[in-house]
All heavy atoms as atom14 arrays in JSON, in Angstrom:
{
  "sequence": "TVVPDVLMHAGPDGGWLVELNSETLPRVLVNNTYYAEINQSAKSDQD",
  "atom14_mask": [
    [1, 1, 1, 1, 1, 1, 1, 0, 0, 0, 0, 0, 0, 0],
    [1, 1, 1, 1, 1, 1, 1, 0, 0, 0, 0, 0, 0, 0],
    [1, 1, 1, 1, 1, 1, 1, 0, 0, 0, 0, 0, 0, 0],
    [1, 1, 1, 1, 1, 1, 1, 0, 0, 0, 0, 0, 0, 0],
    [1, 1, 1, 1, 1, 1, 1, 1, 0, 0, 0, 0, 0, 0],
    [1, 1, 1, 1, 1, 1, 1, 0, 0, 0, 0, 0, 0, 0],
    [1, 1, 1, 1, 1, 1, 1, 1, 0, 0, 0, 0, 0, 0],
    [1, 1, 1, 1, 1, 1, 1, 1, 0, 0, 0, 0, 0, 0],
    [1, 1, 1, 1, 1, 1, 1, 1, 1, 1, 0, 0, 0, 0],
    [1, 1, 1, 1, 1, 0, 0, 0, 0, 0, 0, 0, 0, 0],
    [1, 1, 1, 1, 0, 0, 0, 0, 0, 0, 0, 0, 0, 0],
    [1, 1, 1, 1, 1, 1, 1, 0, 0, 0, 0, 0, 0, 0],
    [1, 1, 1, 1, 1, 1, 1, 1, 0, 0, 0, 0, 0, 0],
    [1, 1, 1, 1, 0, 0, 0, 0, 0, 0, 0, 0, 0, 0],
    [1, 1, 1, 1, 0, 0, 0, 0, 0, 0, 0, 0, 0, 0],
    [1, 1, 1, 1, 1, 1, 1, 1, 1, 1, 1, 1, 1, 1],
    [1, 1, 1, 1, 1, 1, 1, 1, 0, 0, 0, 0, 0, 0],
    [1, 1, 1, 1, 1, 1, 1, 0, 0, 0, 0, 0, 0, 0],
    [1, 1, 1, 1, 1, 1, 1, 1, 1, 0, 0, 0, 0, 0],
    [1, 1, 1, 1, 1, 1, 1, 1, 0, 0, 0, 0, 0, 0],
    [1, 1, 1, 1, 1, 1, 1, 1, 0, 0, 0, 0, 0, 0],
    [1, 1, 1, 1, 1, 1, 0, 0, 0, 0, 0, 0, 0, 0],
    [1, 1, 1, 1, 1, 1, 1, 1, 1, 0, 0, 0, 0, 0],
    [1, 1, 1, 1, 1, 1, 1, 0, 0, 0, 0, 0, 0, 0],
    [1, 1, 1, 1, 1, 1, 1, 1, 0, 0, 0, 0, 0, 0],
    [1, 1, 1, 1, 1, 1, 1, 0, 0, 0, 0, 0, 0, 0],
    [1, 1, 1, 1, 1, 1, 1, 1, 1, 1, 1, 0, 0, 0],
    [1, 1, 1, 1, 1, 1, 1, 0, 0, 0, 0, 0, 0, 0],
    [1, 1, 1, 1, 1, 1, 1, 1, 0, 0, 0, 0, 0, 0],
    [1, 1, 1, 1, 1, 1, 1, 0, 0, 0, 0, 0, 0, 0],
    [1, 1, 1, 1, 1, 1, 1, 1, 0, 0, 0, 0, 0, 0],
    [1, 1, 1, 1, 1, 1, 1, 1, 0, 0, 0, 0, 0, 0],
    [1, 1, 1, 1, 1, 1, 1, 0, 0, 0, 0, 0, 0, 0],
    [1, 1, 1, 1, 1, 1, 1, 1, 1, 1, 1, 1, 0, 0],
    [1, 1, 1, 1, 1, 1, 1, 1, 1, 1, 1, 1, 0, 0],
    [1, 1, 1, 1, 1, 0, 0, 0, 0, 0, 0, 0, 0, 0],
    [1, 1, 1, 1, 1, 1, 1, 1, 1, 0, 0, 0, 0, 0],
    [1, 1, 1, 1, 1, 1, 1, 1, 0, 0, 0, 0, 0, 0],
    [1, 1, 1, 1, 1, 1, 1, 1, 0, 0, 0, 0, 0, 0],
    [1, 1, 1, 1, 1, 1, 1, 1, 1, 0, 0, 0, 0, 0],
    [1, 1, 1, 1, 1, 1, 0, 0, 0, 0, 0, 0, 0, 0],
    [1, 1, 1, 1, 1, 0, 0, 0, 0, 0, 0, 0, 0, 0],
    [1, 1, 1, 1, 1, 1, 1, 1, 1, 0, 0, 0, 0, 0],
    [1, 1, 1, 1, 1, 1, 0, 0, 0, 0, 0, 0, 0, 0],
    [1, 1, 1, 1, 1, 1, 1, 1, 0, 0, 0, 0, 0, 0],
    [1, 1, 1, 1, 1, 1, 1, 1, 1, 0, 0, 0, 0, 0],
    [1, 1, 1, 1, 1, 1, 1, 1, 0, 0, 0, 0, 0, 0]
  ],
  "atom14_positions": [
    [[26.03, -19.55, -19.17], [26.23, -19.67, -20.63], [25.32, -20.73, -21.06], [24.92, -21.67, -20.47], [27.71, -20.27, -20.77], [27.94, -21.4, -20.2], [28.77, -19.22, -20.39], [0.0, 0.0, 0.0], [0.0, 0.0, 0.0], [0.0, 0.0, 0.0], [0.0, 0.0, 0.0], [0.0, 0.0, 0.0], [0.0, 0.0, 0.0], [0.0, 0.0, 0.0]],
    [[24.99, -20.54, -22.35], [24.1, -21.54, -23.06], [24.85, -22.6, -23.62], [25.76, -22.58, -24.27], [23.39, -20.75, -24.31], [22.49, -21.75, -25.13], [22.49, -19.7, -23.77], [0.0, 0.0, 0.0], [0.0, 0.0, 0.0], [0.0, 0.0, 0.0], [0.0, 0.0, 0.0], [0.0, 0.0, 0.0], [0.0, 0.0, 0.0], [0.0, 0.0, 0.0]],
    [[24.31, -23.86, -23.26], [25.01, -25.11, -23.64], [24.1, -25.58, -24.82], [22.98, -25.98, -24.75], [24.97, -26.14, -22.57], [25.59, -27.5, -23.06], [25.77, -25.7, -21.32], [0.0, 0.0, 0.0], [0.0, 0.0, 0.0], [0.0, 0.0, 0.0], [0.0, 0.0, 0.0], [0.0, 0.0, 0.0], [0.0, 0.0, 0.0], [0.0, 0.0, 0.0]],
    [[24.74, -25.67, -26.1], [23.92, -26.01, -27.16], [23.59, -27.54, -27.11], [24.17, -28.42, -26.67], [24.86, -25.75, -28.42], [26.3, -25.96, -27.85], [26.2, -25.37, -26.46], [0.0, 0.0, 0.0], [0.0, 0.0, 0.0], [0.0, 0.0, 0.0], [0.0, 0.0, 0.0], [0.0, 0.0, 0.0], [0.0, 0.0, 0.0], [0.0, 0.0, 0.0]],
    [[22.27, -27.83, -27.68], [21.87, -29.19, -27.76], [22.43, -29.86, -29.03], [22.47, -31.18, -28.99], [20.2, -29.25, -27.75], [19.82, -28.63, -26.44], [19.53, -27.32, -26.53], [19.56, -29.33, -25.47], [0.0, 0.0, 0.0], [0.0, 0.0, 0.0], [0.0, 0.0, 0.0], [0.0, 0.0, 0.0], [0.0, 0.0, 0.0], [0.0, 0.0, 0.0]],
    [[22.64, -29.06, -30.12], [23.05, -29.62, -31.31], [24.34, -28.93, -31.81], [24.47, -27.72, -31.58], [22.0, -29.47, -32.49], [22.29, -30.08, -33.75], [20.6, -29.92, -32.0], [0.0, 0.0, 0.0], [0.0, 0.0, 0.0], [0.0, 0.0, 0.0], [0.0, 0.0, 0.0], [0.0, 0.0, 0.0], [0.0, 0.0, 0.0], [0.0, 0.0, 0.0]],
    [[25.15, -29.67, -32.35], [26.48, -29.18, -32.9], [26.52, -29.29, -34.35], [26.1, -30.31, -34.99], [27.63, -29.86, -32.25], [27.73, -30.04, -30.65], [28.92, -30.78, -30.39], [27.77, -28.56, -30.14], [0.0, 0.0, 0.0], [0.0, 0.0, 0.0], [0.0, 0.0, 0.0], [0.0, 0.0, 0.0], [0.0, 0.0, 0.0], [0.0, 0.0, 0.0]],
    [[26.99, -28.26, -35.09], [27.07, -28.23, -36.46], [28.4, -27.65, -36.87], [28.92, -26.63, -36.35], [25.98, -27.31, -36.97], [25.97, -26.8, -38.39], [25.02, -25.6, -38.78], [25.51, -25.09, -40.5], [0.0, 0.0, 0.0], [0.0, 0.0, 0.0], [0.0, 0.0, 0.0], [0.0, 0.0, 0.0], [0.0, 0.0, 0.0], [0.0, 0.0, 0.0]],
    [[28.99, -28.21, -37.88], [30.21, -27.88, -38.5], [30.45, -28.25, -39.79], [29.63, -29.15, -40.46], [31.51, -28.37, -37.66], [31.47, -29.67, -37.47], [31.93, -30.79, -38.25], [30.93, -30.62, -36.4], [31.82, -31.97, -37.87], [31.11, -31.87, -36.61], [0.0, 0.0, 0.0], [0.0, 0.0, 0.0], [0.0, 0.0, 0.0], [0.0, 0.0, 0.0]],
    [[31.23, -27.67, -40.67], [31.45, -27.95, -42.01], [32.08, -29.27, -42.21], [32.93, -29.68, -41.49], [32.34, -26.9, -42.7], [0.0, 0.0, 0.0], [0.0, 0.0, 0.0], [0.0, 0.0, 0.0], [0.0, 0.0, 0.0], [0.0, 0.0, 0.0], [0.0, 0.0, 0.0], [0.0, 0.0, 0.0], [0.0, 0.0, 0.0], [0.0, 0.0, 0.0]],
    [[31.47, -29.89, -43.31], [32.04, -31.22, -43.65], [33.1, -31.3, -44.73], [33.37, -30.19, -45.3], [0.0, 0.0, 0.0], [0.0, 0.0, 0.0], [0.0, 0.0, 0.0], [0.0, 0.0, 0.0], [0.0, 0.0, 0.0], [0.0, 0.0, 0.0], [0.0, 0.0, 0.0], [0.0, 0.0, 0.0], [0.0, 0.0, 0.0], [0.0, 0.0, 0.0]],
    [[33.81, -32.26, -44.82], [34.91, -32.22, -45.89], [34.43, -32.19, -47.35], [35.2, -31.69, -48.15], [35.57, -33.73, -45.6], [34.58, -34.52, -45.0], [33.61, -33.63, -44.18], [0.0, 0.0, 0.0], [0.0, 0.0, 0.0], [0.0, 0.0, 0.0], [0.0, 0.0, 0.0], [0.0, 0.0, 0.0], [0.0, 0.0, 0.0], [0.0, 0.0, 0.0]],
    [[33.18, -32.53, -47.56], [32.58, -32.34, -48.95], [32.05, -31.06, -49.2], [31.28, -30.9, -50.17], [31.67, -33.58, -49.19], [30.58, -33.58, -48.2], [30.6, -32.8, -47.13], [29.5, -34.3, -48.39], [0.0, 0.0, 0.0], [0.0, 0.0, 0.0], [0.0, 0.0, 0.0], [0.0, 0.0, 0.0], [0.0, 0.0, 0.0], [0.0, 0.0, 0.0]],
    [[32.17, -30.16, -48.41], [31.5, -28.81, -48.47], [30.19, -28.68, -47.92], [29.54, -27.56, -47.88], [0.0, 0.0, 0.0], [0.0, 0.0, 0.0], [0.0, 0.0, 0.0], [0.0, 0.0, 0.0], [0.0, 0.0, 0.0], [0.0, 0.0, 0.0], [0.0, 0.0, 0.0], [0.0, 0.0, 0.0], [0.0, 0.0, 0.0], [0.0, 0.0, 0.0]],
    [[29.51, -29.76, -47.37], [28.36, -29.67, -46.74], [28.3, -29.49, -45.26], [29.34, -28.94, -44.81], [0.0, 0.0, 0.0], [0.0, 0.0, 0.0], [0.0, 0.0, 0.0], [0.0, 0.0, 0.0], [0.0, 0.0, 0.0], [0.0, 0.0, 0.0], [0.0, 0.0, 0.0], [0.0, 0.0, 0.0], [0.0, 0.0, 0.0], [0.0, 0.0, 0.0]],
    [[27.35, -29.74, -44.59], [27.29, -29.39, -43.14], [27.05, -30.87, -42.38], [26.26, -31.62, -42.83], [26.2, -28.46, -42.77], [26.31, -27.2, -43.38], [25.39, -26.72, -44.45], [27.13, -26.17, -43.11], [25.85, -25.52, -44.84], [26.88, -25.01, -43.96], [28.2, -25.93, -42.2], [27.68, -23.9, -44.0], [28.98, -24.7, -42.16], [28.62, -23.83, -43.06]],
    [[27.75, -31.0, -41.27], [27.51, -32.12, -40.42], [26.93, -31.65, -39.1], [27.21, -30.73, -38.47], [28.93, -32.86, -40.0], [29.85, -33.19, -41.17], [31.13, -33.84, -40.67], [29.06, -34.36, -41.98], [0.0, 0.0, 0.0], [0.0, 0.0, 0.0], [0.0, 0.0, 0.0], [0.0, 0.0, 0.0], [0.0, 0.0, 0.0], [0.0, 0.0, 0.0]],
    [[25.83, -32.4, -38.88], [24.98, -32.06, -37.72], [24.95, -33.24, -36.77], [24.69, -34.4, -37.22], [23.46, -31.69, -38.08], [22.54, -31.32, -36.93], [23.46, -30.58, -39.11], [0.0, 0.0, 0.0], [0.0, 0.0, 0.0], [0.0, 0.0, 0.0], [0.0, 0.0, 0.0], [0.0, 0.0, 0.0], [0.0, 0.0, 0.0], [0.0, 0.0, 0.0]],
    [[25.3, -32.99, -35.52], [25.3, -34.05, -34.5], [24.68, -33.58, -33.16], [24.84, -32.32, -32.87], [26.63, -34.66, -34.3], [27.69, -33.65, -33.88], [29.12, -34.23, -33.76], [29.22, -35.34, -33.96], [30.0, -33.46, -33.47], [0.0, 0.0, 0.0], [0.0, 0.0, 0.0], [0.0, 0.0, 0.0], [0.0, 0.0, 0.0], [0.0, 0.0, 0.0]],
    [[24.3, -34.39, -32.26], [23.84, -34.06, -30.99], [25.04, -33.84, -30.07], [26.09, -34.47, -30.21], [22.91, -35.06, -30.39], [21.55, -35.27, -31.06], [20.93, -36.61, -30.42], [20.77, -34.17, -31.05], [0.0, 0.0, 0.0], [0.0, 0.0, 0.0], [0.0, 0.0, 0.0], [0.0, 0.0, 0.0], [0.0, 0.0, 0.0], [0.0, 0.0, 0.0]],
    [[24.89, -32.91, -29.15], [25.98, -32.66, -28.1], [25.83, -33.79, -27.08], [24.98, -33.9, -26.22], [25.66, -31.33, -27.53], [26.79, -30.88, -26.55], [27.78, -31.62, -26.28], [26.66, -29.76, -26.02], [0.0, 0.0, 0.0], [0.0, 0.0, 0.0], [0.0, 0.0, 0.0], [0.0, 0.0, 0.0], [0.0, 0.0, 0.0], [0.0, 0.0, 0.0]],
    [[26.85, -34.6, -26.96], [26.82, -35.93, -26.22], [26.9, -35.46, -24.7], [26.46, -36.15, -23.88], [28.03, -36.77, -26.47], [29.24, -36.04, -26.34], [0.0, 0.0, 0.0], [0.0, 0.0, 0.0], [0.0, 0.0, 0.0], [0.0, 0.0, 0.0], [0.0, 0.0, 0.0], [0.0, 0.0, 0.0], [0.0, 0.0, 0.0], [0.0, 0.0, 0.0]],
    [[27.46, -34.19, -24.44], [27.45, -33.73, -23.04], [26.09, -33.41, -22.38], [26.0, -33.49, -21.18], [28.41, -32.54, -22.87], [29.75, -32.8, -23.4], [30.68, -31.54, -23.05], [30.16, -30.52, -22.67], [31.88, -31.6, -23.43], [0.0, 0.0, 0.0], [0.0, 0.0, 0.0], [0.0, 0.0, 0.0], [0.0, 0.0, 0.0], [0.0, 0.0, 0.0]],
    [[25.14, -33.14, -23.29], [23.78, -32.84, -22.76], [22.79, -34.09, -22.78], [21.78, -33.97, -22.2], [23.2, -31.7, -23.54], [22.98, -32.16, -24.94], [24.04, -30.52, -23.58], [0.0, 0.0, 0.0], [0.0, 0.0, 0.0], [0.0, 0.0, 0.0], [0.0, 0.0, 0.0], [0.0, 0.0, 0.0], [0.0, 0.0, 0.0], [0.0, 0.0, 0.0]],
    [[23.27, -35.23, -23.3], [22.55, -36.38, -23.27], [22.63, -37.25, -22.04], [23.75, -37.54, -21.59], [22.94, -37.31, -24.49], [22.79, -36.72, -25.9], [23.17, -37.66, -26.85], [21.28, -36.39, -26.17], [0.0, 0.0, 0.0], [0.0, 0.0, 0.0], [0.0, 0.0, 0.0], [0.0, 0.0, 0.0], [0.0, 0.0, 0.0], [0.0, 0.0, 0.0]],
    [[21.56, -37.42, -21.34], [21.62, -38.27, -20.09], [21.92, -39.66, -20.44], [21.34, -40.32, -21.36], [20.21, -38.19, -19.58], [19.2, -37.8, -20.73], [20.12, -37.02, -21.7], [0.0, 0.0, 0.0], [0.0, 0.0, 0.0], [0.0, 0.0, 0.0], [0.0, 0.0, 0.0], [0.0, 0.0, 0.0], [0.0, 0.0, 0.0], [0.0, 0.0, 0.0]],
    [[22.86, -40.22, -19.78], [23.37, -41.69, -20.05], [22.81, -42.6, -19.01], [23.27, -42.71, -17.98], [24.91, -41.73, -19.99], [25.54, -40.75, -20.98], [27.1, -40.91, -20.91], [27.69, -39.96, -21.81], [27.96, -40.15, -23.11], [27.57, -41.37, -23.6], [28.46, -39.29, -23.87], [0.0, 0.0, 0.0], [0.0, 0.0, 0.0], [0.0, 0.0, 0.0]],
    [[21.44, -43.13, -19.25], [20.87, -44.06, -18.28], [20.52, -45.23, -19.1], [20.27, -45.21, -20.32], [19.65, -43.34, -17.78], [20.03, -42.22, -16.8], [18.67, -42.85, -18.89], [0.0, 0.0, 0.0], [0.0, 0.0, 0.0], [0.0, 0.0, 0.0], [0.0, 0.0, 0.0], [0.0, 0.0, 0.0], [0.0, 0.0, 0.0], [0.0, 0.0, 0.0]],
    [[20.31, -46.3, -18.43], [19.88, -47.58, -19.02], [19.32, -48.51, -17.86], [19.32, -48.06, -16.67], [21.1, -48.4, -19.7], [22.4, -48.32, -18.96], [22.52, -49.57, -18.07], [23.56, -48.44, -19.88], [0.0, 0.0, 0.0], [0.0, 0.0, 0.0], [0.0, 0.0, 0.0], [0.0, 0.0, 0.0], [0.0, 0.0, 0.0], [0.0, 0.0, 0.0]],
    [[18.76, -49.58, -18.34], [18.13, -50.55, -17.51], [19.07, -51.66, -17.02], [19.71, -52.26, -17.93], [16.87, -51.12, -18.1], [16.21, -52.11, -17.11], [15.88, -50.05, -18.58], [0.0, 0.0, 0.0], [0.0, 0.0, 0.0], [0.0, 0.0, 0.0], [0.0, 0.0, 0.0], [0.0, 0.0, 0.0], [0.0, 0.0, 0.0], [0.0, 0.0, 0.0]],
    [[19.25, -51.82, -15.74], [20.07, -52.92, -15.18], [19.41, -54.25, -15.19], [18.71, -54.64, -14.26], [20.67, -52.51, -13.81], [21.72, -53.35, -13.28], [21.94, -54.44, -13.7], [22.53, -52.8, -12.41], [0.0, 0.0, 0.0], [0.0, 0.0, 0.0], [0.0, 0.0, 0.0], [0.0, 0.0, 0.0], [0.0, 0.0, 0.0], [0.0, 0.0, 0.0]],
    [[19.42, -54.97, -16.4], [18.76, -56.25, -16.43], [19.29, -57.22, -15.45], [18.54, -58.14, -14.97], [18.88, -56.62, -17.88], [18.03, -55.82, -18.77], [16.88, -55.44, -18.49], [18.6, -55.56, -20.03], [0.0, 0.0, 0.0], [0.0, 0.0, 0.0], [0.0, 0.0, 0.0], [0.0, 0.0, 0.0], [0.0, 0.0, 0.0], [0.0, 0.0, 0.0]],
    [[20.57, -57.19, -15.18], [21.17, -58.12, -14.27], [20.52, -58.07, -12.74], [20.19, -59.03, -12.07], [22.63, -57.98, -14.13], [23.2, -58.0, -15.42], [23.34, -58.99, -13.25], [0.0, 0.0, 0.0], [0.0, 0.0, 0.0], [0.0, 0.0, 0.0], [0.0, 0.0, 0.0], [0.0, 0.0, 0.0], [0.0, 0.0, 0.0], [0.0, 0.0, 0.0]],
    [[20.39, -56.72, -12.41], [19.79, -56.46, -11.07], [18.38, -56.94, -11.08], [17.84, -57.41, -10.14], [20.03, -55.02, -10.64], [19.54, -54.64, -9.35], [19.96, -55.34, -8.25], [18.42, -53.76, -9.19], [19.48, -55.05, -6.96], [17.93, -53.36, -7.97], [18.44, -53.97, -6.84], [18.07, -53.7, -5.56], [0.0, 0.0, 0.0], [0.0, 0.0, 0.0]],
    [[17.66, -56.65, -12.26], [16.28, -56.96, -12.35], [16.04, -58.66, -12.21], [15.23, -59.06, -11.43], [15.74, -56.53, -13.64], [14.4, -57.13, -13.94], [13.31, -56.87, -13.31], [14.19, -58.13, -14.91], [11.96, -57.28, -13.55], [12.99, -58.76, -15.2], [11.83, -58.27, -14.52], [10.67, -58.88, -14.75], [0.0, 0.0, 0.0], [0.0, 0.0, 0.0]],
    [[17.03, -59.29, -12.82], [16.93, -60.83, -12.71], [17.03, -61.24, -11.2], [16.37, -62.21, -10.78], [17.96, -61.36, -13.65], [0.0, 0.0, 0.0], [0.0, 0.0, 0.0], [0.0, 0.0, 0.0], [0.0, 0.0, 0.0], [0.0, 0.0, 0.0], [0.0, 0.0, 0.0], [0.0, 0.0, 0.0], [0.0, 0.0, 0.0], [0.0, 0.0, 0.0]],
    [[18.0, -60.66, -10.53], [18.21, -60.98, -9.22], [17.06, -60.69, -8.27], [16.62, -61.63, -7.53], [19.5, -60.24, -8.67], [20.76, -60.76, -9.38], [22.01, -59.91, -8.89], [21.8, -59.05, -8.03], [23.16, -60.09, -9.49], [0.0, 0.0, 0.0], [0.0, 0.0, 0.0], [0.0, 0.0, 0.0], [0.0, 0.0, 0.0], [0.0, 0.0, 0.0]],
    [[16.57, -59.49, -8.33], [15.55, -59.16, -7.3], [14.24, -59.71, -7.73], [13.33, -60.04, -6.87], [15.35, -57.68, -7.2], [15.0, -57.05, -8.58], [16.72, -57.15, -6.66], [14.73, -55.57, -8.47], [0.0, 0.0, 0.0], [0.0, 0.0, 0.0], [0.0, 0.0, 0.0], [0.0, 0.0, 0.0], [0.0, 0.0, 0.0], [0.0, 0.0, 0.0]],
    [[14.09, -60.12, -9.07], [12.66, -60.71, -9.48], [12.66, -62.07, -8.9], [11.58, -62.69, -8.63], [12.6, -60.7, -10.97], [11.24, -61.1, -11.49], [10.27, -60.69, -10.87], [11.24, -61.86, -12.6], [0.0, 0.0, 0.0], [0.0, 0.0, 0.0], [0.0, 0.0, 0.0], [0.0, 0.0, 0.0], [0.0, 0.0, 0.0], [0.0, 0.0, 0.0]],
    [[13.68, -62.87, -8.93], [13.74, -64.2, -8.31], [13.66, -64.29, -6.8], [13.01, -65.18, -6.35], [15.05, -64.92, -8.67], [15.28, -65.19, -10.3], [16.63, -65.71, -10.51], [17.45, -65.98, -9.57], [16.82, -66.11, -11.81], [0.0, 0.0, 0.0], [0.0, 0.0, 0.0], [0.0, 0.0, 0.0], [0.0, 0.0, 0.0], [0.0, 0.0, 0.0]],
    [[14.03, -63.23, -6.11], [13.94, -63.23, -4.76], [12.61, -62.56, -4.21], [12.31, -62.66, -3.04], [15.02, -62.42, -4.07], [15.03, -61.09, -4.49], [0.0, 0.0, 0.0], [0.0, 0.0, 0.0], [0.0, 0.0, 0.0], [0.0, 0.0, 0.0], [0.0, 0.0, 0.0], [0.0, 0.0, 0.0], [0.0, 0.0, 0.0], [0.0, 0.0, 0.0]],
    [[11.78, -62.03, -5.1], [10.59, -61.45, -4.75], [9.54, -62.6, -4.28], [9.41, -63.52, -5.1], [9.93, -60.6, -5.86], [0.0, 0.0, 0.0], [0.0, 0.0, 0.0], [0.0, 0.0, 0.0], [0.0, 0.0, 0.0], [0.0, 0.0, 0.0], [0.0, 0.0, 0.0], [0.0, 0.0, 0.0], [0.0, 0.0, 0.0], [0.0, 0.0, 0.0]],
    [[8.92, -62.36, -3.15], [7.94, -63.44, -2.64], [6.49, -63.04, -2.91], [5.69, -63.77, -3.42], [8.22, -63.62, -1.24], [9.66, -64.09, -0.97], [10.03, -65.45, -1.54], [11.44, -65.84, -1.14], [11.88, -67.17, -1.87], [0.0, 0.0, 0.0], [0.0, 0.0, 0.0], [0.0, 0.0, 0.0], [0.0, 0.0, 0.0], [0.0, 0.0, 0.0]],
    [[6.1, -61.84, -2.49], [4.66, -61.41, -2.48], [4.38, -60.92, -3.83], [5.19, -60.44, -4.6], [4.48, -60.39, -1.46], [5.1, -59.15, -1.62], [0.0, 0.0, 0.0], [0.0, 0.0, 0.0], [0.0, 0.0, 0.0], [0.0, 0.0, 0.0], [0.0, 0.0, 0.0], [0.0, 0.0, 0.0], [0.0, 0.0, 0.0], [0.0, 0.0, 0.0]],
    [[3.08, -60.82, -4.12], [2.56, -60.44, -5.39], [2.74, -58.88, -5.47], [3.01, -58.33, -6.57], [1.01, -60.69, -5.54], [0.76, -62.14, -5.74], [1.78, -62.85, -6.19], [-0.27, -62.65, -5.42], [0.0, 0.0, 0.0], [0.0, 0.0, 0.0], [0.0, 0.0, 0.0], [0.0, 0.0, 0.0], [0.0, 0.0, 0.0], [0.0, 0.0, 0.0]],
    [[2.74, -58.15, -4.33], [2.95, -56.76, -4.34], [4.35, -56.37, -4.74], [4.6, -55.5, -5.48], [2.59, -56.2, -2.95], [2.71, -54.72, -2.86], [2.36, -54.2, -1.41], [2.01, -54.96, -0.54], [2.49, -52.79, -1.29], [0.0, 0.0, 0.0], [0.0, 0.0, 0.0], [0.0, 0.0, 0.0], [0.0, 0.0, 0.0], [0.0, 0.0, 0.0]],
    [[5.24, -57.21, -4.21], [6.73, -56.96, -4.7], [6.93, -57.19, -6.11], [7.6, -56.4, -6.77], [7.6, -57.88, -3.81], [7.7, -57.51, -2.31], [7.13, -56.34, -2.06], [8.09, -58.27, -1.52], [0.0, 0.0, 0.0], [0.0, 0.0, 0.0], [0.0, 0.0, 0.0], [0.0, 0.0, 0.0], [0.0, 0.0, 0.0], [0.0, 0.0, 0.0]]
  ]
}
């Protein structure tokens, strides 16, 4: 089955509401806490 990337439905004012399909959006972010921990413990320039 085709999973839509965009969802569209009628709005209360007679127009159209367009939104992204949240199920297809990858939920990733940067773990700044982990970065601060390993950055302090890194010894060599290569690390």
